[in-house]
Amino acid sequence: MSSDVAPSPESLAEETRRYHHFIVLALWLAVVTGAEIVLIYLPIPTAAILTVLTLMSAGKFFAVILWFMHLIYDKRLLFWCFFAGLALAFATYAALLMLFSVDRIDTRWFT
């Protein structure tokens, strides 16, 4: 015996709303990606291009993380656990970059 219960109209409306959010977000991500490609070919200083590209990429990253990984709909504890792990990974990466930077290597042992 299966207990197939029809979903309530409220839950269907909520799922439809979420589905449309995903479609709109995908379209916005495509627009931002197109803007990134156009930005590369503009006659702007390289530092400005890299700064804007970094900000745009970070915005796209957080949009994908929040909506497509459903973090925006989860409990806040899961949200903060994810970002704590992300911060720890970033701190570890930064520490390793500092640890293994070329100017800190003693090269007199290699000659």
N, C-alpha and C. Protein backbone atom coordinates (compact mmCIF):
# COMPACT_ATOMS: atom_id res chain seq x y z
N MET A 1 0.83 -1.17 0.00
CA MET A 1 0.00 0.00 0.00
C MET A 1 0.88 1.24 0.00
N SER A 2 0.60 2.09 -0.90
CA SER A 2 1.35 3.34 -0.93
C SER A 2 0.45 4.46 -0.40
N SER A 3 1.09 5.37 0.24
CA SER A 3 0.33 6.49 0.79
C SER A 3 0.68 7.75 0.02
N ASP A 4 0.30 7.77 -1.25
CA ASP A 4 0.55 8.95 -2.08
C ASP A 4 -0.43 10.05 -1.71
N VAL A 5 0.11 11.07 -1.10
CA VAL A 5 -0.71 12.19 -0.69
C VAL A 5 -0.40 13.35 -1.62
N ALA A 6 -1.42 13.96 -2.14
CA ALA A 6 -1.22 15.10 -3.04
C ALA A 6 -0.66 16.27 -2.25
N PRO A 7 0.34 16.97 -2.82
CA PRO A 7 0.90 18.12 -2.12
C PRO A 7 -0.13 19.24 -2.01
N SER A 8 0.03 20.00 -0.97
CA SER A 8 -0.91 21.11 -0.74
C SER A 8 -0.67 22.22 -1.77
N PRO A 9 -1.67 23.00 -2.05
CA PRO A 9 -1.50 24.12 -3.00
C PRO A 9 -0.44 25.12 -2.55
N GLU A 10 -0.28 25.30 -1.23
CA GLU A 10 0.74 26.22 -0.73
C GLU A 10 2.15 25.72 -1.04
N SER A 11 2.36 24.41 -0.85
CA SER A 11 3.70 23.87 -1.14
C SER A 11 3.99 23.90 -2.63
N LEU A 12 2.98 23.66 -3.46
CA LEU A 12 3.17 23.76 -4.90
C LEU A 12 3.51 25.18 -5.32
N ALA A 13 2.83 26.14 -4.72
CA ALA A 13 3.11 27.54 -5.04
C ALA A 13 4.53 27.91 -4.62
N GLU A 14 4.97 27.41 -3.47
CA GLU A 14 6.33 27.68 -2.99
C GLU A 14 7.36 27.06 -3.92
N GLU A 15 7.15 25.83 -4.36
CA GLU A 15 8.08 25.18 -5.27
C GLU A 15 8.12 25.89 -6.62
N THR A 16 6.98 26.34 -7.08
CA THR A 16 6.94 27.09 -8.34
C THR A 16 7.71 28.39 -8.22
N ARG A 17 7.55 29.06 -7.09
CA ARG A 17 8.28 30.32 -6.85
C ARG A 17 9.79 30.07 -6.83
N ARG A 18 10.21 29.00 -6.15
CA ARG A 18 11.63 28.67 -6.11
C ARG A 18 12.16 28.32 -7.49
N TYR A 19 11.39 27.59 -8.27
CA TYR A 19 11.79 27.22 -9.62
C TYR A 19 12.02 28.47 -10.46
N HIS A 20 11.12 29.42 -10.36
CA HIS A 20 11.28 30.66 -11.13
C HIS A 20 12.47 31.47 -10.63
N HIS A 21 12.78 31.41 -9.35
CA HIS A 21 13.99 32.08 -8.85
C HIS A 21 15.23 31.47 -9.48
N PHE A 22 15.26 30.14 -9.62
CA PHE A 22 16.42 29.48 -10.22
C PHE A 22 16.59 29.89 -11.68
N ILE A 23 15.49 29.97 -12.41
CA ILE A 23 15.57 30.37 -13.81
C ILE A 23 16.05 31.82 -13.94
N VAL A 24 15.50 32.71 -13.14
CA VAL A 24 15.91 34.11 -13.18
C VAL A 24 17.38 34.24 -12.79
N LEU A 25 17.81 33.51 -11.76
CA LEU A 25 19.21 33.57 -11.35
C LEU A 25 20.12 33.05 -12.46
N ALA A 26 19.74 31.98 -13.12
CA ALA A 26 20.55 31.45 -14.22
C ALA A 26 20.67 32.48 -15.34
N LEU A 27 19.60 33.18 -15.64
CA LEU A 27 19.66 34.22 -16.66
C LEU A 27 20.56 35.38 -16.24
N TRP A 28 20.48 35.79 -14.98
CA TRP A 28 21.36 36.85 -14.49
C TRP A 28 22.83 36.42 -14.50
N LEU A 29 23.09 35.16 -14.17
CA LEU A 29 24.46 34.66 -14.21
C LEU A 29 24.99 34.68 -15.64
N ALA A 30 24.15 34.37 -16.61
CA ALA A 30 24.56 34.43 -18.02
C ALA A 30 24.86 35.87 -18.42
N VAL A 31 24.04 36.82 -17.97
CA VAL A 31 24.28 38.23 -18.28
C VAL A 31 25.59 38.71 -17.66
N VAL A 32 25.84 38.34 -16.41
CA VAL A 32 27.08 38.76 -15.75
C VAL A 32 28.29 38.13 -16.44
N THR A 33 28.18 36.87 -16.85
CA THR A 33 29.27 36.22 -17.57
C THR A 33 29.55 36.93 -18.89
N GLY A 34 28.50 37.32 -19.59
CA GLY A 34 28.68 38.09 -20.83
C GLY A 34 29.35 39.43 -20.56
N ALA A 35 28.97 40.08 -19.47
CA ALA A 35 29.60 41.36 -19.10
C ALA A 35 31.08 41.15 -18.76
N GLU A 36 31.41 40.04 -18.14
CA GLU A 36 32.82 39.74 -17.85
C GLU A 36 33.62 39.58 -19.13
N ILE A 37 33.05 38.91 -20.10
CA ILE A 37 33.75 38.71 -21.38
C ILE A 37 33.94 40.04 -22.09
N VAL A 38 32.92 40.88 -22.10
CA VAL A 38 33.04 42.19 -22.73
C VAL A 38 34.07 43.04 -22.00
N LEU A 39 34.10 42.96 -20.69
CA LEU A 39 35.02 43.76 -19.88
C LEU A 39 36.48 43.47 -20.21
N ILE A 40 36.77 42.23 -20.55
CA ILE A 40 38.15 41.85 -20.85
C ILE A 40 38.68 42.63 -22.06
N TYR A 41 37.82 42.91 -23.02
CA TYR A 41 38.26 43.54 -24.26
C TYR A 41 38.17 45.06 -24.24
N LEU A 42 37.72 45.65 -23.16
CA LEU A 42 37.64 47.11 -23.07
C LEU A 42 39.01 47.72 -22.79
N PRO A 43 39.28 48.91 -23.32
CA PRO A 43 40.58 49.56 -23.08
C PRO A 43 40.62 50.24 -21.71
N ILE A 44 40.66 49.43 -20.67
CA ILE A 44 40.69 49.91 -19.29
C ILE A 44 41.98 49.37 -18.66
N PRO A 45 42.54 50.08 -17.69
CA PRO A 45 43.75 49.56 -17.03
C PRO A 45 43.53 48.15 -16.45
N THR A 46 44.57 47.36 -16.50
CA THR A 46 44.49 45.96 -16.07
C THR A 46 44.07 45.83 -14.62
N ALA A 47 44.55 46.71 -13.75
CA ALA A 47 44.18 46.63 -12.34
C ALA A 47 42.68 46.82 -12.14
N ALA A 48 42.09 47.73 -12.89
CA ALA A 48 40.65 47.97 -12.78
C ALA A 48 39.87 46.76 -13.31
N ILE A 49 40.33 46.20 -14.41
CA ILE A 49 39.66 45.01 -14.97
C ILE A 49 39.71 43.86 -13.97
N LEU A 50 40.87 43.61 -13.39
CA LEU A 50 41.00 42.50 -12.45
C LEU A 50 40.16 42.73 -11.20
N THR A 51 40.08 43.96 -10.74
CA THR A 51 39.26 44.26 -9.56
C THR A 51 37.78 44.01 -9.85
N VAL A 52 37.30 44.50 -10.98
CA VAL A 52 35.89 44.33 -11.33
C VAL A 52 35.58 42.85 -11.59
N LEU A 53 36.49 42.15 -12.27
CA LEU A 53 36.27 40.72 -12.52
C LEU A 53 36.23 39.92 -11.22
N THR A 54 37.07 40.28 -10.27
CA THR A 54 37.07 39.60 -8.98
C THR A 54 35.76 39.83 -8.24
N LEU A 55 35.29 41.06 -8.24
CA LEU A 55 34.02 41.36 -7.56
C LEU A 55 32.85 40.66 -8.24
N MET A 56 32.84 40.65 -9.56
CA MET A 56 31.76 39.98 -10.28
C MET A 56 31.80 38.47 -10.04
N SER A 57 32.98 37.90 -10.04
CA SER A 57 33.11 36.46 -9.78
C SER A 57 32.68 36.11 -8.36
N ALA A 58 33.04 36.95 -7.40
CA ALA A 58 32.62 36.70 -6.01
C ALA A 58 31.11 36.78 -5.89
N GLY A 59 30.50 37.75 -6.55
CA GLY A 59 29.04 37.86 -6.53
C GLY A 59 28.38 36.63 -7.14
N LYS A 60 28.91 36.17 -8.27
CA LYS A 60 28.37 34.96 -8.89
C LYS A 60 28.56 33.74 -7.99
N PHE A 61 29.71 33.65 -7.35
CA PHE A 61 29.99 32.52 -6.46
C PHE A 61 28.96 32.47 -5.32
N PHE A 62 28.74 33.59 -4.68
CA PHE A 62 27.81 33.60 -3.55
C PHE A 62 26.37 33.39 -4.00
N ALA A 63 26.02 33.88 -5.17
CA ALA A 63 24.67 33.63 -5.68
C ALA A 63 24.45 32.14 -5.93
N VAL A 64 25.42 31.49 -6.54
CA VAL A 64 25.31 30.05 -6.81
C VAL A 64 25.29 29.27 -5.50
N ILE A 65 26.16 29.64 -4.58
CA ILE A 65 26.20 28.94 -3.30
C ILE A 65 24.87 29.08 -2.55
N LEU A 66 24.35 30.28 -2.49
CA LEU A 66 23.14 30.51 -1.70
C LEU A 66 21.91 29.87 -2.33
N TRP A 67 21.75 29.96 -3.65
CA TRP A 67 20.51 29.46 -4.24
C TRP A 67 20.64 28.03 -4.74
N PHE A 68 21.66 27.72 -5.53
CA PHE A 68 21.73 26.39 -6.12
C PHE A 68 22.13 25.32 -5.11
N MET A 69 22.83 25.70 -4.04
CA MET A 69 23.10 24.75 -2.98
C MET A 69 22.03 24.81 -1.89
N HIS A 70 21.01 25.60 -2.12
CA HIS A 70 19.84 25.71 -1.25
C HIS A 70 20.18 26.23 0.14
N LEU A 71 21.31 26.92 0.30
CA LEU A 71 21.66 27.46 1.61
C LEU A 71 20.71 28.57 2.04
N ILE A 72 20.11 29.23 1.09
CA ILE A 72 19.19 30.31 1.43
C ILE A 72 17.91 29.77 2.06
N TYR A 73 17.60 28.50 1.79
CA TYR A 73 16.38 27.90 2.33
C TYR A 73 16.65 27.03 3.56
N ASP A 74 17.92 26.75 3.86
CA ASP A 74 18.26 25.90 5.00
C ASP A 74 18.22 26.69 6.30
N LYS A 75 18.40 25.96 7.39
CA LYS A 75 18.47 26.61 8.70
C LYS A 75 19.75 27.43 8.77
N ARG A 76 19.72 28.49 9.57
CA ARG A 76 20.86 29.40 9.67
C ARG A 76 22.11 28.71 10.20
N LEU A 77 21.96 27.68 11.03
CA LEU A 77 23.13 26.97 11.55
C LEU A 77 23.92 26.34 10.41
N LEU A 78 23.24 25.73 9.44
CA LEU A 78 23.93 25.13 8.30
C LEU A 78 24.60 26.20 7.45
N PHE A 79 23.94 27.32 7.32
CA PHE A 79 24.50 28.45 6.58
C PHE A 79 25.82 28.89 7.22
N TRP A 80 25.83 29.07 8.53
CA TRP A 80 27.04 29.53 9.21
C TRP A 80 28.10 28.45 9.27
N CYS A 81 27.71 27.20 9.34
CA CYS A 81 28.70 26.11 9.30
C CYS A 81 29.42 26.09 7.95
N PHE A 82 28.67 26.29 6.88
CA PHE A 82 29.30 26.32 5.56
C PHE A 82 30.29 27.47 5.47
N PHE A 83 29.88 28.66 5.90
CA PHE A 83 30.78 29.80 5.78
C PHE A 83 31.95 29.73 6.75
N ALA A 84 31.80 29.06 7.87
CA ALA A 84 32.94 28.84 8.77
C ALA A 84 33.97 27.94 8.09
N GLY A 85 33.50 26.90 7.42
CA GLY A 85 34.40 26.02 6.67
C GLY A 85 35.07 26.76 5.52
N LEU A 86 34.32 27.62 4.84
CA LEU A 86 34.87 28.41 3.75
C LEU A 86 35.94 29.36 4.26
N ALA A 87 35.68 30.00 5.39
CA ALA A 87 36.68 30.91 5.98
C ALA A 87 37.92 30.15 6.42
N LEU A 88 37.74 28.97 6.99
CA LEU A 88 38.88 28.16 7.40
C LEU A 88 39.71 27.73 6.19
N ALA A 89 39.05 27.34 5.11
CA ALA A 89 39.77 26.96 3.90
C ALA A 89 40.54 28.15 3.33
N PHE A 90 39.92 29.32 3.31
CA PHE A 90 40.60 30.51 2.80
C PHE A 90 41.80 30.87 3.68
N ALA A 91 41.64 30.77 4.99
CA ALA A 91 42.75 31.09 5.91
C ALA A 91 43.89 30.09 5.73
N THR A 92 43.57 28.82 5.55
CA THR A 92 44.61 27.81 5.32
C THR A 92 45.35 28.08 4.02
N TYR A 93 44.62 28.41 2.97
CA TYR A 93 45.24 28.73 1.68
C TYR A 93 46.15 29.94 1.80
N ALA A 94 45.69 30.99 2.48
CA ALA A 94 46.50 32.19 2.65
C ALA A 94 47.75 31.89 3.48
N ALA A 95 47.61 31.07 4.51
CA ALA A 95 48.77 30.72 5.34
C ALA A 95 49.79 29.92 4.53
N LEU A 96 49.33 29.00 3.70
CA LEU A 96 50.25 28.24 2.87
C LEU A 96 50.93 29.11 1.83
N LEU A 97 50.23 30.07 1.28
CA LEU A 97 50.86 31.00 0.35
C LEU A 97 51.96 31.79 1.04
N MET A 98 51.70 32.23 2.25
CA MET A 98 52.72 32.97 2.99
C MET A 98 53.89 32.07 3.39
N LEU A 99 53.59 30.84 3.75
CA LEU A 99 54.63 29.91 4.19
C LEU A 99 55.59 29.56 3.06
N PHE A 100 55.04 29.37 1.88
CA PHE A 100 55.86 28.94 0.76
C PHE A 100 56.15 30.05 -0.24
N SER A 101 56.09 31.30 0.19
CA SER A 101 56.42 32.39 -0.73
C SER A 101 57.91 32.33 -1.07
N VAL A 102 58.23 32.70 -2.29
CA VAL A 102 59.59 32.53 -2.81
C VAL A 102 60.60 33.39 -2.07
N ASP A 103 60.22 34.58 -1.66
CA ASP A 103 61.19 35.46 -1.02
C ASP A 103 61.57 35.01 0.39
N ARG A 104 60.90 34.03 0.94
CA ARG A 104 61.22 33.53 2.28
C ARG A 104 62.10 32.29 2.25
N ILE A 105 62.42 31.79 1.06
CA ILE A 105 63.23 30.57 0.95
C ILE A 105 64.70 30.95 1.04
N ASP A 106 65.43 30.23 1.87
CA ASP A 106 66.87 30.46 2.02
C ASP A 106 67.58 29.68 0.92
N THR A 107 68.08 30.39 -0.08
CA THR A 107 68.67 29.73 -1.24
C THR A 107 70.17 29.44 -1.10
N ARG A 108 70.77 29.84 -0.02
CA ARG A 108 72.21 29.60 0.10
C ARG A 108 72.53 28.12 0.25
N TRP A 109 71.58 27.31 0.64
CA TRP A 109 71.78 25.86 0.79
C TRP A 109 71.74 25.15 -0.56
N PHE A 110 71.25 25.82 -1.59
CA PHE A 110 71.11 25.19 -2.90
C PHE A 110 72.30 25.44 -3.81
N THR A 111 73.28 26.23 -3.37
CA THR A 111 74.42 26.55 -4.25
C THR A 111 75.63 25.75 -3.92
